[in-house]
Amino acid sequence: MRTRTGSLERRLVLGAVVAGLLVHGLQLGAYAAVRAAVDRREQVSELRLDAAMETFRPVDRSGLAQPADVATFAADRNPRTEPTRCRALTALTTTAPLDGRSWTGVNGRPAQPVTLLTVRFADAGAARAELDRKRWALLRCTRVVVTFPPYDAPPTSYEVGGRRVSSAVGDTVRWSLVDDGRRFDFYVRRYGNTLSWTYADDVSTPAVREQVADSLVDRLKDLAGR
């Protein structure tokens, strides 16, 4: 009798485990389907990015939008970074994008200069993977040594700081590179298959620069009908 009871209990447990796995699989499948639908809706075409760059308005000021040469993002044009596993923190992208756009203007009161770079990938998965590389680099890197193009000046050592818990998930990543009191704050935001990146030292405040990147994303959403 005890043997039969034990056998029945094992079958019940096994059935519960199988049922749980099936439910979990269905949940994962539903999540993947929803994410794929969102990615398709947010897919940014070249025309849509151009329109957003030309018409978005941080506060009440327009800026200068222009194409960014894809060659600008090539490995031989990026800063040389040691350790190499940290190079995602010194380059907008470590993989080749389809194309890119830049925006220069002012924002804030008093007006502060801002430069924004946006690159477009083939799909949202590629943009998401690039953002995740920055997250991994933030976890693994505490200091980087950077040599800037044209690579004829001595390298500079920077401490990696400014980490935020919010950078671990979602569509934004923030960090800082600090050297002898000089601090460069970085902000990268993903929308669909795009990454927008802005950074500077004390010529402007992080909040002012982030508002520009967020305004561009809001305009992209408007053009997609949200």
C-alpha atoms as a PDB file:
ATOM      1  CA  MET A   1       0.000   0.000   0.000  1.00  0.00           C
ATOM      2  CA  ARG A   2       2.807   2.351   0.954  1.00  0.00           C
ATOM      3  CA  THR A   3       4.557   1.583  -2.344  1.00  0.00           C
ATOM      4  CA  ARG A   4       1.434   2.411  -4.328  1.00  0.00           C
ATOM      5  CA  THR A   5       0.995   5.648  -2.385  1.00  0.00           C
ATOM      6  CA  GLY A   6       4.612   6.635  -3.028  1.00  0.00           C
ATOM      7  CA  SER A   7       4.265   5.826  -6.704  1.00  0.00           C
ATOM      8  CA  LEU A   8       1.106   7.914  -6.934  1.00  0.00           C
ATOM      9  CA  GLU A   9       2.810  10.823  -5.194  1.00  0.00           C
ATOM     10  CA  ARG A  10       5.739  10.667  -7.617  1.00  0.00           C
ATOM     11  CA  ARG A  11       3.352  10.679 -10.578  1.00  0.00           C
ATOM     12  CA  LEU A  12       1.485  13.646  -9.136  1.00  0.00           C
ATOM     13  CA  VAL A  13       4.727  15.556  -8.574  1.00  0.00           C
ATOM     14  CA  LEU A  14       5.928  14.688 -12.073  1.00  0.00           C
ATOM     15  CA  GLY A  15       2.604  15.819 -13.508  1.00  0.00           C
ATOM     16  CA  ALA A  16       2.818  19.092 -11.599  1.00  0.00           C
ATOM     17  CA  VAL A  17       6.369  19.683 -12.843  1.00  0.00           C
ATOM     18  CA  VAL A  18       5.399  18.951 -16.445  1.00  0.00           C
ATOM     19  CA  ALA A  19       2.363  21.216 -16.154  1.00  0.00           C
ATOM     20  CA  GLY A  20       4.537  23.953 -14.682  1.00  0.00           C
ATOM     21  CA  LEU A  21       7.032  23.644 -17.511  1.00  0.00           C
ATOM     22  CA  LEU A  22       4.252  23.803 -20.076  1.00  0.00           C
ATOM     23  CA  VAL A  23       2.802  26.933 -18.476  1.00  0.00           C
ATOM     24  CA  HIS A  24       6.265  28.493 -18.298  1.00  0.00           C
ATOM     25  CA  GLY A  25       6.851  27.635 -21.945  1.00  0.00           C
ATOM     26  CA  LEU A  26       3.543  29.202 -22.925  1.00  0.00           C
ATOM     27  CA  GLN A  27       4.411  32.329 -20.936  1.00  0.00           C
ATOM     28  CA  LEU A  28       7.792  32.582 -22.652  1.00  0.00           C
ATOM     29  CA  GLY A  29       6.157  32.057 -26.024  1.00  0.00           C
ATOM     30  CA  ALA A  30       3.594  34.770 -25.310  1.00  0.00           C
ATOM     31  CA  TYR A  31       6.340  37.140 -24.141  1.00  0.00           C
ATOM     32  CA  ALA A  32       8.367  36.481 -27.286  1.00  0.00           C
ATOM     33  CA  ALA A  33       5.312  37.089 -29.466  1.00  0.00           C
ATOM     34  CA  VAL A  34       4.520  40.372 -27.710  1.00  0.00           C
ATOM     35  CA  ARG A  35       8.127  41.546 -27.949  1.00  0.00           C
ATOM     36  CA  ALA A  36       8.265  40.662 -31.645  1.00  0.00           C
ATOM     37  CA  ALA A  37       5.084  42.665 -32.240  1.00  0.00           C
ATOM     38  CA  VAL A  38       6.499  45.663 -30.366  1.00  0.00           C
ATOM     39  CA  ASP A  39       9.779  45.406 -32.279  1.00  0.00           C
ATOM     40  CA  ARG A  40       7.921  45.418 -35.598  1.00  0.00           C
ATOM     41  CA  ARG A  41       5.908  48.467 -34.566  1.00  0.00           C
ATOM     42  CA  GLU A  42       9.007  50.340 -33.402  1.00  0.00           C
ATOM     43  CA  GLN A  43      11.133  49.459 -36.450  1.00  0.00           C
ATOM     44  CA  VAL A  44      12.605  52.764 -37.660  1.00  0.00           C
ATOM     45  CA  SER A  45      13.128  53.286 -41.376  1.00  0.00           C
ATOM     46  CA  GLU A  46      15.702  55.660 -42.825  1.00  0.00           C
ATOM     47  CA  LEU A  47      12.913  58.028 -43.880  1.00  0.00           C
ATOM     48  CA  ARG A  48      11.325  58.029 -40.426  1.00  0.00           C
ATOM     49  CA  LEU A  49      14.635  58.741 -38.712  1.00  0.00           C
ATOM     50  CA  ASP A  50      15.297  61.627 -41.110  1.00  0.00           C
ATOM     51  CA  ALA A  51      11.845  63.070 -40.446  1.00  0.00           C
ATOM     52  CA  ALA A  52      12.265  62.785 -36.679  1.00  0.00           C
ATOM     53  CA  MET A  53      15.710  64.394 -36.753  1.00  0.00           C
ATOM     54  CA  GLU A  54      14.393  67.315 -38.792  1.00  0.00           C
ATOM     55  CA  THR A  55      11.245  67.937 -36.766  1.00  0.00           C
ATOM     56  CA  PHE A  56      11.888  67.065 -33.108  1.00  0.00           C
ATOM     57  CA  ARG A  57      12.257  70.062 -30.827  1.00  0.00           C
ATOM     58  CA  PRO A  58      13.984  69.867 -27.450  1.00  0.00           C
ATOM     59  CA  VAL A  59      12.254  72.735 -25.607  1.00  0.00           C
ATOM     60  CA  ASP A  60      11.584  75.362 -28.328  1.00  0.00           C
ATOM     61  CA  ARG A  61      14.826  75.261 -30.267  1.00  0.00           C
ATOM     62  CA  SER A  62      15.740  73.500 -33.475  1.00  0.00           C
ATOM     63  CA  GLY A  63      19.215  72.175 -34.225  1.00  0.00           C
ATOM     64  CA  LEU A  64      21.277  70.998 -37.164  1.00  0.00           C
ATOM     65  CA  ALA A  65      20.638  67.414 -38.285  1.00  0.00           C
ATOM     66  CA  GLN A  66      22.835  65.714 -40.842  1.00  0.00           C
ATOM     67  CA  PRO A  67      23.881  62.227 -41.990  1.00  0.00           C
ATOM     68  CA  ALA A  68      26.718  60.555 -40.091  1.00  0.00           C
ATOM     69  CA  ASP A  69      29.226  58.645 -42.195  1.00  0.00           C
ATOM     70  CA  VAL A  70      28.997  54.946 -41.277  1.00  0.00           C
ATOM     71  CA  ALA A  71      32.787  54.779 -41.628  1.00  0.00           C
ATOM     72  CA  THR A  72      32.923  56.985 -38.524  1.00  0.00           C
ATOM     73  CA  PHE A  73      31.868  53.976 -36.468  1.00  0.00           C
ATOM     74  CA  ALA A  74      34.455  51.577 -37.911  1.00  0.00           C
ATOM     75  CA  ALA A  75      36.889  49.948 -35.486  1.00  0.00           C
ATOM     76  CA  ASP A  76      39.852  51.873 -36.922  1.00  0.00           C
ATOM     77  CA  ARG A  77      38.061  55.172 -36.239  1.00  0.00           C
ATOM     78  CA  ASN A  78      37.012  54.403 -32.674  1.00  0.00           C
ATOM     79  CA  PRO A  79      39.151  55.072 -29.599  1.00  0.00           C
ATOM     80  CA  ARG A  80      41.537  52.239 -28.759  1.00  0.00           C
ATOM     81  CA  THR A  81      40.492  50.851 -25.410  1.00  0.00           C
ATOM     82  CA  GLU A  82      42.241  48.540 -22.969  1.00  0.00           C
ATOM     83  CA  PRO A  83      41.088  46.091 -21.805  1.00  0.00           C
ATOM     84  CA  THR A  84      39.422  45.392 -25.144  1.00  0.00           C
ATOM     85  CA  ARG A  85      36.421  43.856 -23.367  1.00  0.00           C
ATOM     86  CA  CYS A  86      35.605  47.403 -22.218  1.00  0.00           C
ATOM     87  CA  ARG A  87      35.520  49.054 -25.647  1.00  0.00           C
ATOM     88  CA  ALA A  88      31.709  49.197 -25.648  1.00  0.00           C
ATOM     89  CA  LEU A  89      32.075  52.009 -23.087  1.00  0.00           C
ATOM     90  CA  THR A  90      34.103  54.260 -25.400  1.00  0.00           C
ATOM     91  CA  ALA A  91      32.324  53.673 -28.731  1.00  0.00           C
ATOM     92  CA  LEU A  92      28.709  54.176 -29.680  1.00  0.00           C
ATOM     93  CA  THR A  93      28.670  50.796 -31.396  1.00  0.00           C
ATOM     94  CA  THR A  94      31.113  47.917 -31.705  1.00  0.00           C
ATOM     95  CA  THR A  95      29.254  46.474 -34.711  1.00  0.00           C
ATOM     96  CA  ALA A  96      28.523  48.091 -38.067  1.00  0.00           C
ATOM     97  CA  PRO A  97      25.152  49.917 -38.234  1.00  0.00           C
ATOM     98  CA  LEU A  98      23.104  50.454 -41.377  1.00  0.00           C
ATOM     99  CA  ASP A  99      23.462  54.227 -41.168  1.00  0.00           C
ATOM    100  CA  GLY A 100      23.482  57.093 -38.706  1.00  0.00           C
ATOM    101  CA  ARG A 101      22.474  60.693 -38.080  1.00  0.00           C
ATOM    102  CA  SER A 102      23.910  63.444 -35.926  1.00  0.00           C
ATOM    103  CA  TRP A 103      22.225  66.426 -34.310  1.00  0.00           C
ATOM    104  CA  THR A 104      23.901  69.484 -32.844  1.00  0.00           C
ATOM    105  CA  GLY A 105      22.120  72.284 -31.067  1.00  0.00           C
ATOM    106  CA  VAL A 106      21.386  73.768 -27.679  1.00  0.00           C
ATOM    107  CA  ASN A 107      19.000  72.887 -24.890  1.00  0.00           C
ATOM    108  CA  GLY A 108      18.206  74.040 -21.389  1.00  0.00           C
ATOM    109  CA  ARG A 109      18.050  77.431 -19.724  1.00  0.00           C
ATOM    110  CA  PRO A 110      20.590  78.917 -19.945  1.00  0.00           C
ATOM    111  CA  ALA A 111      21.261  77.328 -23.333  1.00  0.00           C
ATOM    112  CA  GLN A 112      23.830  74.525 -23.274  1.00  0.00           C
ATOM    113  CA  PRO A 113      25.485  72.838 -26.293  1.00  0.00           C
ATOM    114  CA  VAL A 114      24.415  69.263 -27.060  1.00  0.00           C
ATOM    115  CA  THR A 115      25.539  66.721 -29.651  1.00  0.00           C
ATOM    116  CA  LEU A 116      23.448  63.621 -30.317  1.00  0.00           C
ATOM    117  CA  LEU A 117      24.400  60.615 -32.450  1.00  0.00           C
ATOM    118  CA  THR A 118      21.830  58.049 -33.552  1.00  0.00           C
ATOM    119  CA  VAL A 119      22.586  54.847 -35.448  1.00  0.00           C
ATOM    120  CA  ARG A 120      20.154  52.459 -37.091  1.00  0.00           C
ATOM    121  CA  PHE A 121      20.551  48.671 -37.124  1.00  0.00           C
ATOM    122  CA  ALA A 122      18.848  46.015 -39.239  1.00  0.00           C
ATOM    123  CA  ASP A 123      16.501  45.083 -36.398  1.00  0.00           C
ATOM    124  CA  ALA A 124      15.723  45.681 -32.734  1.00  0.00           C
ATOM    125  CA  GLY A 125      17.612  42.542 -31.715  1.00  0.00           C
ATOM    126  CA  ALA A 126      20.887  43.963 -33.020  1.00  0.00           C
ATOM    127  CA  ALA A 127      20.340  47.263 -31.197  1.00  0.00           C
ATOM    128  CA  ARG A 128      19.388  45.406 -28.010  1.00  0.00           C
ATOM    129  CA  ALA A 129      22.535  43.259 -28.233  1.00  0.00           C
ATOM    130  CA  GLU A 130      24.715  46.353 -28.588  1.00  0.00           C
ATOM    131  CA  LEU A 131      23.108  47.923 -25.521  1.00  0.00           C
ATOM    132  CA  ASP A 132      23.670  44.689 -23.587  1.00  0.00           C
ATOM    133  CA  ARG A 133      27.381  44.802 -24.481  1.00  0.00           C
ATOM    134  CA  LYS A 134      27.567  48.108 -22.645  1.00  0.00           C
ATOM    135  CA  ARG A 135      25.822  46.576 -19.641  1.00  0.00           C
ATOM    136  CA  TRP A 136      28.293  43.680 -19.539  1.00  0.00           C
ATOM    137  CA  ALA A 137      31.206  46.096 -19.863  1.00  0.00           C
ATOM    138  CA  LEU A 138      29.889  48.111 -16.922  1.00  0.00           C
ATOM    139  CA  LEU A 139      29.833  44.949 -14.822  1.00  0.00           C
ATOM    140  CA  ARG A 140      33.344  43.885 -15.819  1.00  0.00           C
ATOM    141  CA  CYS A 141      35.269  47.156 -16.077  1.00  0.00           C
ATOM    142  CA  THR A 142      36.414  49.486 -13.312  1.00  0.00           C
ATOM    143  CA  ARG A 143      39.103  51.360 -15.270  1.00  0.00           C
ATOM    144  CA  VAL A 144      39.888  51.840 -18.964  1.00  0.00           C
ATOM    145  CA  VAL A 145      42.932  53.151 -20.809  1.00  0.00           C
ATOM    146  CA  VAL A 146      41.933  55.060 -23.939  1.00  0.00           C
ATOM    147  CA  THR A 147      43.931  56.306 -26.926  1.00  0.00           C
ATOM    148  CA  PHE A 148      41.973  58.668 -29.141  1.00  0.00           C
ATOM    149  CA  PRO A 149      42.247  59.000 -32.938  1.00  0.00           C
ATOM    150  CA  PRO A 150      44.587  59.756 -34.667  1.00  0.00           C
ATOM    151  CA  TYR A 151      46.403  57.773 -31.938  1.00  0.00           C
ATOM    152  CA  ASP A 152      49.413  60.097 -31.773  1.00  0.00           C
ATOM    153  CA  ALA A 153      48.905  61.222 -28.164  1.00  0.00           C
ATOM    154  CA  PRO A 154      49.618  59.282 -24.966  1.00  0.00           C
ATOM    155  CA  PRO A 155      46.742  57.132 -23.662  1.00  0.00           C
ATOM    156  CA  THR A 156      44.551  58.379 -20.834  1.00  0.00           C
ATOM    157  CA  SER A 157      43.395  56.264 -17.915  1.00  0.00           C
ATOM    158  CA  TYR A 158      39.786  56.690 -16.772  1.00  0.00           C
ATOM    159  CA  GLU A 159      37.885  55.298 -13.828  1.00  0.00           C
ATOM    160  CA  VAL A 160      34.498  53.865 -14.794  1.00  0.00           C
ATOM    161  CA  GLY A 161      31.765  55.254 -12.573  1.00  0.00           C
ATOM    162  CA  GLY A 162      28.250  56.632 -12.562  1.00  0.00           C
ATOM    163  CA  ARG A 163      26.651  53.185 -12.569  1.00  0.00           C
ATOM    164  CA  ARG A 164      22.937  53.081 -11.831  1.00  0.00           C
ATOM    165  CA  VAL A 165      20.664  50.194 -10.963  1.00  0.00           C
ATOM    166  CA  SER A 166      18.284  51.432 -13.670  1.00  0.00           C
ATOM    167  CA  SER A 167      20.964  50.663 -16.280  1.00  0.00           C
ATOM    168  CA  ALA A 168      20.645  46.932 -15.582  1.00  0.00           C
ATOM    169  CA  VAL A 169      17.284  46.679 -17.365  1.00  0.00           C
ATOM    170  CA  GLY A 170      15.205  48.632 -19.833  1.00  0.00           C
ATOM    171  CA  ASP A 171      16.278  50.690 -22.814  1.00  0.00           C
ATOM    172  CA  THR A 172      18.771  53.141 -21.270  1.00  0.00           C
ATOM    173  CA  VAL A 173      22.321  52.852 -19.958  1.00  0.00           C
ATOM    174  CA  ARG A 174      24.287  55.537 -18.105  1.00  0.00           C
ATOM    175  CA  TRP A 175      27.919  55.642 -16.998  1.00  0.00           C
ATOM    176  CA  SER A 176      30.829  58.035 -16.497  1.00  0.00           C
ATOM    177  CA  LEU A 177      34.550  58.118 -17.267  1.00  0.00           C
ATOM    178  CA  VAL A 178      36.547  60.146 -14.742  1.00  0.00           C
ATOM    179  CA  ASP A 179      40.147  61.367 -14.972  1.00  0.00           C
ATOM    180  CA  ASP A 180      41.790  63.796 -12.509  1.00  0.00           C
ATOM    181  CA  GLY A 181      38.535  65.517 -11.687  1.00  0.00           C
ATOM    182  CA  ARG A 182      37.320  65.713 -15.289  1.00  0.00           C
ATOM    183  CA  ARG A 183      34.151  63.728 -15.784  1.00  0.00           C
ATOM    184  CA  PHE A 184      32.461  62.571 -18.990  1.00  0.00           C
ATOM    185  CA  ASP A 185      28.864  61.431 -18.542  1.00  0.00           C
ATOM    186  CA  PHE A 186      27.354  59.055 -21.113  1.00  0.00           C
ATOM    187  CA  TYR A 187      23.732  58.295 -21.918  1.00  0.00           C
ATOM    188  CA  VAL A 188      22.564  55.709 -24.462  1.00  0.00           C
ATOM    189  CA  ARG A 189      18.930  54.994 -25.238  1.00  0.00           C
ATOM    190  CA  ARG A 190      17.494  52.291 -27.466  1.00  0.00           C
ATOM    191  CA  TYR A 191      14.277  52.657 -29.402  1.00  0.00           C
ATOM    192  CA  GLY A 192      13.373  49.891 -31.812  1.00  0.00           C
ATOM    193  CA  ASN A 193      16.369  49.260 -34.046  1.00  0.00           C
ATOM    194  CA  THR A 194      18.125  52.522 -33.098  1.00  0.00           C
ATOM    195  CA  LEU A 195      20.630  53.607 -30.464  1.00  0.00           C
ATOM    196  CA  SER A 196      20.993  57.264 -29.523  1.00  0.00           C
ATOM    197  CA  TRP A 197      24.093  58.375 -27.676  1.00  0.00           C
ATOM    198  CA  THR A 198      25.092  61.661 -26.081  1.00  0.00           C
ATOM    199  CA  TYR A 199      27.971  62.570 -23.807  1.00  0.00           C
ATOM    200  CA  ALA A 200      30.051  65.548 -22.690  1.00  0.00           C
ATOM    201  CA  ASP A 201      31.991  66.964 -19.783  1.00  0.00           C
ATOM    202  CA  ASP A 202      30.950  70.128 -17.940  1.00  0.00           C
ATOM    203  CA  VAL A 203      29.967  72.070 -21.088  1.00  0.00           C
ATOM    204  CA  SER A 204      26.420  70.861 -20.409  1.00  0.00           C
ATOM    205  CA  THR A 205      24.583  68.941 -17.717  1.00  0.00           C
ATOM    206  CA  PRO A 206      23.542  65.280 -18.091  1.00  0.00           C
ATOM    207  CA  ALA A 207      19.846  66.108 -17.642  1.00  0.00           C
ATOM    208  CA  VAL A 208      19.931  68.620 -20.502  1.00  0.00           C
ATOM    209  CA  ARG A 209      21.584  66.126 -22.846  1.00  0.00           C
ATOM    210  CA  GLU A 210      19.298  63.269 -21.843  1.00  0.00           C
ATOM    211  CA  GLN A 211      16.271  65.433 -22.574  1.00  0.00           C
ATOM    212  CA  VAL A 212      17.444  65.800 -26.177  1.00  0.00           C
ATOM    213  CA  ALA A 213      17.773  62.025 -26.664  1.00  0.00           C
ATOM    214  CA  ASP A 214      14.406  61.423 -25.007  1.00  0.00           C
ATOM    215  CA  SER A 215      12.774  64.112 -27.173  1.00  0.00           C
ATOM    216  CA  LEU A 216      14.002  62.349 -30.301  1.00  0.00           C
ATOM    217  CA  VAL A 217      12.524  59.042 -29.119  1.00  0.00           C
ATOM    218  CA  ASP A 218       9.222  60.770 -28.344  1.00  0.00           C
ATOM    219  CA  ARG A 219       9.181  62.160 -31.887  1.00  0.00           C
ATOM    220  CA  LEU A 220       9.905  58.718 -33.360  1.00  0.00           C
ATOM    221  CA  LYS A 221       6.968  57.361 -31.364  1.00  0.00           C
ATOM    222  CA  ASP A 222       4.718  60.168 -32.601  1.00  0.00           C
ATOM    223  CA  LEU A 223       5.615  59.404 -36.209  1.00  0.00           C
ATOM    224  CA  ALA A 224       4.758  55.743 -35.598  1.00  0.00           C
ATOM    225  CA  GLY A 225       1.396  56.713 -34.156  1.00  0.00           C
ATOM    226  CA  ARG A 226       2.625  55.497 -30.775  1.00  0.00           C
END
